[in-house]
Amino acid sequence: MIPPNAVYGDPKGVPIQQTMYRDTPAPFNCVYCGSSGLTTVRSKPSLAAAVACMMPFMLGVCFLCPSMDCLWHKYHYCPSCQQKVADFEKSDPCLVVDPPRWKEESFALPA
């Protein structure tokens, strides 16, 4: 359950206690360079994306992999120093049949 005081966008000077890294850019304080803001997110295919791709592949078409970014692993990077600060890996192939969990918002808890 997400608390009502969660920070979703740029923290803009709000001290952050903990960040929950998910599918979207997350508010964070970089442990490498000290900057704060929103992470840059890069994606890589997950098992769930491969399963989603294989289902229509049986019909001779694999059109879901590039378009189903919501089922891919997300890696969060600092936009200032380019260091990887977190990852959010989706390893559950059952996510293919659970559309409400395809895209989860990242958020932070204020200190």
N, C-alpha and C. Protein backbone atom coordinates (compact mmCIF):
# COMPACT_ATOMS: atom_id res chain seq x y z
N MET A 1 0.83 -1.18 0.00
CA MET A 1 0.00 0.00 0.00
C MET A 1 0.88 1.25 0.00
N ILE A 2 0.55 2.19 -0.84
CA ILE A 2 1.32 3.42 -0.95
C ILE A 2 0.78 4.45 0.04
N PRO A 3 1.65 5.01 0.88
CA PRO A 3 1.19 5.99 1.86
C PRO A 3 0.72 7.29 1.19
N PRO A 4 -0.18 8.02 1.83
CA PRO A 4 -0.72 9.24 1.21
C PRO A 4 0.29 10.37 1.06
N ASN A 5 1.39 10.34 1.82
CA ASN A 5 2.39 11.41 1.73
C ASN A 5 3.53 11.08 0.77
N ALA A 6 3.34 10.08 -0.08
CA ALA A 6 4.38 9.66 -1.03
C ALA A 6 4.66 10.77 -2.04
N VAL A 7 5.94 10.87 -2.44
CA VAL A 7 6.38 11.85 -3.43
C VAL A 7 6.51 11.13 -4.77
N TYR A 8 5.84 11.64 -5.82
CA TYR A 8 5.87 10.99 -7.13
C TYR A 8 6.77 11.69 -8.13
N GLY A 9 6.81 12.98 -8.14
CA GLY A 9 7.60 13.71 -9.12
C GLY A 9 8.94 14.13 -8.56
N ASP A 10 9.47 15.21 -9.13
CA ASP A 10 10.74 15.77 -8.68
C ASP A 10 10.61 16.17 -7.22
N PRO A 11 11.50 15.70 -6.34
CA PRO A 11 11.37 15.99 -4.92
C PRO A 11 11.56 17.47 -4.57
N LYS A 12 12.23 18.24 -5.42
CA LYS A 12 12.42 19.69 -5.24
C LYS A 12 12.82 20.07 -3.81
N GLY A 13 13.86 19.44 -3.31
CA GLY A 13 14.39 19.78 -2.00
C GLY A 13 13.77 19.05 -0.83
N VAL A 14 12.74 18.26 -1.06
CA VAL A 14 12.12 17.49 0.03
C VAL A 14 13.07 16.36 0.40
N PRO A 15 13.46 16.25 1.68
CA PRO A 15 14.35 15.14 2.07
C PRO A 15 13.64 13.80 1.88
N ILE A 16 14.34 12.86 1.27
CA ILE A 16 13.77 11.54 0.98
C ILE A 16 14.36 10.50 1.93
N GLN A 17 13.46 9.72 2.51
CA GLN A 17 13.89 8.64 3.40
C GLN A 17 14.16 7.36 2.61
N GLN A 18 13.26 7.01 1.70
CA GLN A 18 13.38 5.77 0.94
C GLN A 18 12.67 5.93 -0.40
N THR A 19 13.23 5.35 -1.45
CA THR A 19 12.62 5.39 -2.78
C THR A 19 12.23 3.99 -3.20
N MET A 20 11.03 3.87 -3.75
CA MET A 20 10.53 2.61 -4.30
C MET A 20 10.65 2.72 -5.82
N TYR A 21 11.62 2.03 -6.39
CA TYR A 21 11.88 2.08 -7.82
C TYR A 21 10.99 1.09 -8.53
N ARG A 22 10.21 1.57 -9.49
CA ARG A 22 9.31 0.72 -10.24
C ARG A 22 9.49 0.99 -11.73
N ASP A 23 8.39 1.15 -12.47
CA ASP A 23 8.45 1.32 -13.93
C ASP A 23 8.73 2.74 -14.40
N THR A 24 8.40 3.72 -13.61
CA THR A 24 8.50 5.12 -14.03
C THR A 24 9.71 5.79 -13.38
N PRO A 25 10.14 6.95 -13.91
CA PRO A 25 11.24 7.68 -13.26
C PRO A 25 10.91 7.95 -11.79
N ALA A 26 11.90 7.75 -10.94
CA ALA A 26 11.68 7.84 -9.49
C ALA A 26 12.37 9.06 -8.88
N PRO A 27 11.74 9.69 -7.88
CA PRO A 27 12.41 10.75 -7.15
C PRO A 27 13.51 10.12 -6.29
N PHE A 28 14.70 10.71 -6.28
CA PHE A 28 15.80 10.09 -5.54
C PHE A 28 16.88 11.12 -5.19
N ASN A 29 17.75 10.73 -4.29
CA ASN A 29 18.98 11.45 -3.98
C ASN A 29 20.12 10.51 -4.36
N CYS A 30 21.00 10.94 -5.26
CA CYS A 30 22.07 10.08 -5.75
C CYS A 30 23.14 9.89 -4.68
N VAL A 31 23.49 8.63 -4.42
CA VAL A 31 24.53 8.33 -3.44
C VAL A 31 25.92 8.52 -4.02
N TYR A 32 26.01 8.64 -5.35
CA TYR A 32 27.31 8.78 -6.00
C TYR A 32 27.73 10.25 -6.15
N CYS A 33 26.81 11.11 -6.61
CA CYS A 33 27.19 12.51 -6.86
C CYS A 33 26.44 13.51 -5.98
N GLY A 34 25.43 13.05 -5.24
CA GLY A 34 24.71 13.93 -4.33
C GLY A 34 23.57 14.71 -4.95
N SER A 35 23.34 14.59 -6.25
CA SER A 35 22.24 15.33 -6.87
C SER A 35 20.90 14.70 -6.52
N SER A 36 19.84 15.47 -6.69
CA SER A 36 18.49 14.93 -6.47
C SER A 36 17.64 15.28 -7.67
N GLY A 37 16.58 14.56 -7.85
CA GLY A 37 15.69 14.76 -8.99
C GLY A 37 15.00 13.47 -9.35
N LEU A 38 14.79 13.25 -10.64
CA LEU A 38 14.15 12.02 -11.13
C LEU A 38 15.18 11.17 -11.87
N THR A 39 15.09 9.87 -11.70
CA THR A 39 16.00 8.96 -12.38
C THR A 39 15.69 8.90 -13.87
N THR A 40 16.66 8.46 -14.65
CA THR A 40 16.47 8.12 -16.05
C THR A 40 16.27 6.62 -16.11
N VAL A 41 15.25 6.17 -16.82
CA VAL A 41 14.91 4.74 -16.85
C VAL A 41 15.28 4.15 -18.21
N ARG A 42 15.98 3.00 -18.15
CA ARG A 42 16.29 2.22 -19.36
C ARG A 42 15.65 0.85 -19.18
N SER A 43 15.21 0.26 -20.28
CA SER A 43 14.49 -1.02 -20.23
C SER A 43 15.23 -2.12 -20.95
N LYS A 44 15.02 -3.35 -20.46
CA LYS A 44 15.52 -4.56 -21.12
C LYS A 44 14.44 -5.62 -21.04
N PRO A 45 14.36 -6.53 -22.02
CA PRO A 45 13.29 -7.54 -22.01
C PRO A 45 13.34 -8.43 -20.78
N SER A 46 12.16 -8.78 -20.29
CA SER A 46 12.03 -9.69 -19.15
C SER A 46 11.42 -11.01 -19.63
N LEU A 47 11.34 -11.97 -18.73
CA LEU A 47 10.70 -13.24 -19.04
C LEU A 47 9.23 -13.02 -19.37
N ALA A 48 8.58 -12.10 -18.65
CA ALA A 48 7.17 -11.80 -18.91
C ALA A 48 6.99 -11.27 -20.33
N ALA A 49 7.93 -10.43 -20.80
CA ALA A 49 7.85 -9.90 -22.16
C ALA A 49 8.05 -11.02 -23.18
N ALA A 50 8.95 -11.96 -22.87
CA ALA A 50 9.19 -13.08 -23.78
C ALA A 50 7.96 -13.98 -23.87
N VAL A 51 7.30 -14.21 -22.73
CA VAL A 51 6.08 -15.02 -22.74
C VAL A 51 5.00 -14.31 -23.54
N ALA A 52 4.87 -12.99 -23.34
CA ALA A 52 3.86 -12.23 -24.09
C ALA A 52 4.15 -12.27 -25.58
N CYS A 53 5.42 -12.32 -25.93
CA CYS A 53 5.80 -12.36 -27.34
C CYS A 53 5.54 -13.74 -27.94
N MET A 54 5.75 -14.78 -27.14
CA MET A 54 5.61 -16.15 -27.64
C MET A 54 4.16 -16.52 -27.94
N MET A 55 3.24 -15.95 -27.18
CA MET A 55 1.83 -16.32 -27.39
C MET A 55 1.37 -16.00 -28.81
N PRO A 56 1.57 -14.77 -29.32
CA PRO A 56 1.16 -14.54 -30.71
C PRO A 56 2.15 -15.14 -31.72
N PHE A 57 3.37 -15.44 -31.26
CA PHE A 57 4.37 -16.03 -32.15
C PHE A 57 3.88 -17.38 -32.67
N MET A 58 3.06 -18.07 -31.88
CA MET A 58 2.50 -19.34 -32.32
C MET A 58 1.63 -19.15 -33.56
N LEU A 59 1.15 -17.92 -33.74
CA LEU A 59 0.35 -17.59 -34.93
C LEU A 59 1.23 -17.05 -36.06
N GLY A 60 2.53 -16.96 -35.81
CA GLY A 60 3.44 -16.51 -36.84
C GLY A 60 3.83 -15.04 -36.75
N VAL A 61 3.41 -14.36 -35.68
CA VAL A 61 3.70 -12.94 -35.53
C VAL A 61 4.20 -12.66 -34.12
N CYS A 62 5.26 -11.89 -34.02
CA CYS A 62 5.73 -11.45 -32.71
C CYS A 62 5.73 -9.92 -32.72
N PHE A 63 4.61 -9.32 -32.36
CA PHE A 63 4.50 -7.87 -32.40
C PHE A 63 4.47 -7.24 -31.02
N LEU A 64 4.42 -8.04 -29.95
CA LEU A 64 4.26 -7.48 -28.62
C LEU A 64 5.56 -7.03 -27.95
N CYS A 65 6.68 -7.66 -28.25
CA CYS A 65 7.91 -7.35 -27.51
C CYS A 65 8.28 -5.86 -27.51
N PRO A 66 8.41 -5.22 -28.66
CA PRO A 66 8.79 -3.81 -28.61
C PRO A 66 7.72 -2.92 -28.00
N SER A 67 6.47 -3.26 -28.18
CA SER A 67 5.40 -2.39 -27.71
C SER A 67 5.01 -2.64 -26.26
N MET A 68 5.45 -3.72 -25.67
CA MET A 68 5.05 -4.05 -24.31
C MET A 68 6.17 -3.70 -23.33
N ASP A 69 6.64 -2.48 -23.39
CA ASP A 69 7.70 -2.00 -22.50
C ASP A 69 7.29 -2.14 -21.03
N CYS A 70 6.00 -2.17 -20.76
CA CYS A 70 5.52 -2.29 -19.39
C CYS A 70 5.92 -3.62 -18.75
N LEU A 71 6.25 -4.63 -19.54
CA LEU A 71 6.64 -5.93 -19.00
C LEU A 71 8.16 -6.13 -18.99
N TRP A 72 8.91 -5.08 -19.29
CA TRP A 72 10.37 -5.20 -19.34
C TRP A 72 10.99 -4.80 -18.01
N HIS A 73 12.22 -5.29 -17.76
CA HIS A 73 12.98 -4.86 -16.58
C HIS A 73 13.30 -3.39 -16.72
N LYS A 74 13.30 -2.66 -15.60
CA LYS A 74 13.63 -1.23 -15.61
C LYS A 74 14.89 -1.01 -14.78
N TYR A 75 15.83 -0.26 -15.34
CA TYR A 75 17.07 0.09 -14.66
C TYR A 75 17.12 1.60 -14.51
N HIS A 76 17.28 2.06 -13.28
CA HIS A 76 17.26 3.49 -12.97
C HIS A 76 18.68 4.03 -12.87
N TYR A 77 18.93 5.15 -13.57
CA TYR A 77 20.25 5.79 -13.60
C TYR A 77 20.14 7.24 -13.16
N CYS A 78 21.20 7.75 -12.58
CA CYS A 78 21.29 9.16 -12.21
C CYS A 78 21.50 9.97 -13.49
N PRO A 79 20.69 11.00 -13.76
CA PRO A 79 20.88 11.78 -14.98
C PRO A 79 22.14 12.64 -14.94
N SER A 80 22.69 12.90 -13.76
CA SER A 80 23.90 13.74 -13.65
C SER A 80 25.18 12.95 -13.87
N CYS A 81 25.35 11.84 -13.12
CA CYS A 81 26.62 11.09 -13.19
C CYS A 81 26.50 9.79 -13.98
N GLN A 82 25.30 9.43 -14.43
CA GLN A 82 25.04 8.23 -15.25
C GLN A 82 25.29 6.91 -14.52
N GLN A 83 25.40 6.93 -13.20
CA GLN A 83 25.58 5.69 -12.43
C GLN A 83 24.23 4.99 -12.24
N LYS A 84 24.24 3.67 -12.27
CA LYS A 84 23.02 2.90 -12.02
C LYS A 84 22.72 2.98 -10.53
N VAL A 85 21.52 3.43 -10.18
CA VAL A 85 21.17 3.58 -8.76
C VAL A 85 20.21 2.49 -8.29
N ALA A 86 19.48 1.87 -9.20
CA ALA A 86 18.55 0.80 -8.79
C ALA A 86 18.05 0.06 -10.02
N ASP A 87 17.44 -1.09 -9.76
CA ASP A 87 16.78 -1.81 -10.84
C ASP A 87 15.46 -2.37 -10.33
N PHE A 88 14.54 -2.57 -11.25
CA PHE A 88 13.23 -3.14 -10.96
C PHE A 88 13.01 -4.23 -11.98
N GLU A 89 13.24 -5.47 -11.55
CA GLU A 89 13.17 -6.59 -12.48
C GLU A 89 11.86 -7.33 -12.34
N LYS A 90 11.26 -7.60 -13.47
CA LYS A 90 9.99 -8.33 -13.50
C LYS A 90 10.29 -9.75 -13.96
N SER A 91 10.19 -10.69 -13.04
CA SER A 91 10.53 -12.07 -13.37
C SER A 91 9.31 -12.98 -13.36
N ASP A 92 8.14 -12.43 -13.15
CA ASP A 92 6.93 -13.23 -13.08
C ASP A 92 6.23 -13.28 -14.44
N PRO A 93 6.30 -14.42 -15.15
CA PRO A 93 5.64 -14.49 -16.46
C PRO A 93 4.12 -14.36 -16.37
N CYS A 94 3.55 -14.53 -15.18
CA CYS A 94 2.10 -14.39 -15.01
C CYS A 94 1.64 -12.94 -15.14
N LEU A 95 2.58 -11.98 -15.13
CA LEU A 95 2.21 -10.57 -15.33
C LEU A 95 1.54 -10.35 -16.67
N VAL A 96 1.77 -11.25 -17.61
CA VAL A 96 1.17 -11.12 -18.94
C VAL A 96 -0.35 -11.06 -18.82
N VAL A 97 -0.92 -11.79 -17.89
CA VAL A 97 -2.37 -11.82 -17.72
C VAL A 97 -2.84 -10.93 -16.57
N ASP A 98 -2.00 -10.02 -16.10
CA ASP A 98 -2.35 -9.13 -14.99
C ASP A 98 -2.13 -7.66 -15.41
N PRO A 99 -2.95 -7.14 -16.36
CA PRO A 99 -2.74 -5.79 -16.88
C PRO A 99 -2.66 -4.68 -15.84
N PRO A 100 -3.39 -4.72 -14.71
CA PRO A 100 -3.25 -3.63 -13.75
C PRO A 100 -1.83 -3.48 -13.18
N ARG A 101 -1.04 -4.54 -13.21
CA ARG A 101 0.33 -4.48 -12.67
C ARG A 101 1.37 -4.29 -13.77
N TRP A 102 0.95 -4.03 -15.01
CA TRP A 102 1.91 -3.86 -16.09
C TRP A 102 2.77 -2.64 -15.88
N LYS A 103 2.19 -1.56 -15.37
CA LYS A 103 2.96 -0.34 -15.16
C LYS A 103 2.73 0.14 -13.74
N GLU A 104 3.78 0.10 -12.92
CA GLU A 104 3.69 0.53 -11.54
C GLU A 104 4.47 1.83 -11.36
N GLU A 105 3.88 2.79 -10.67
CA GLU A 105 4.49 4.09 -10.44
C GLU A 105 5.60 4.01 -9.41
N SER A 106 6.72 4.65 -9.69
CA SER A 106 7.79 4.81 -8.70
C SER A 106 7.41 5.94 -7.76
N PHE A 107 7.85 5.83 -6.50
CA PHE A 107 7.57 6.90 -5.55
C PHE A 107 8.63 6.90 -4.44
N ALA A 108 8.63 7.95 -3.66
CA ALA A 108 9.57 8.07 -2.54
C ALA A 108 8.80 8.44 -1.28
N LEU A 109 9.37 8.04 -0.15
CA LEU A 109 8.80 8.39 1.14
C LEU A 109 9.61 9.53 1.74
N PRO A 110 8.95 10.63 2.11
CA PRO A 110 9.68 11.75 2.67
C PRO A 110 10.21 11.41 4.06
N ALA A 111 11.33 12.05 4.42
CA ALA A 111 11.94 11.80 5.73
C ALA A 111 11.13 12.43 6.84
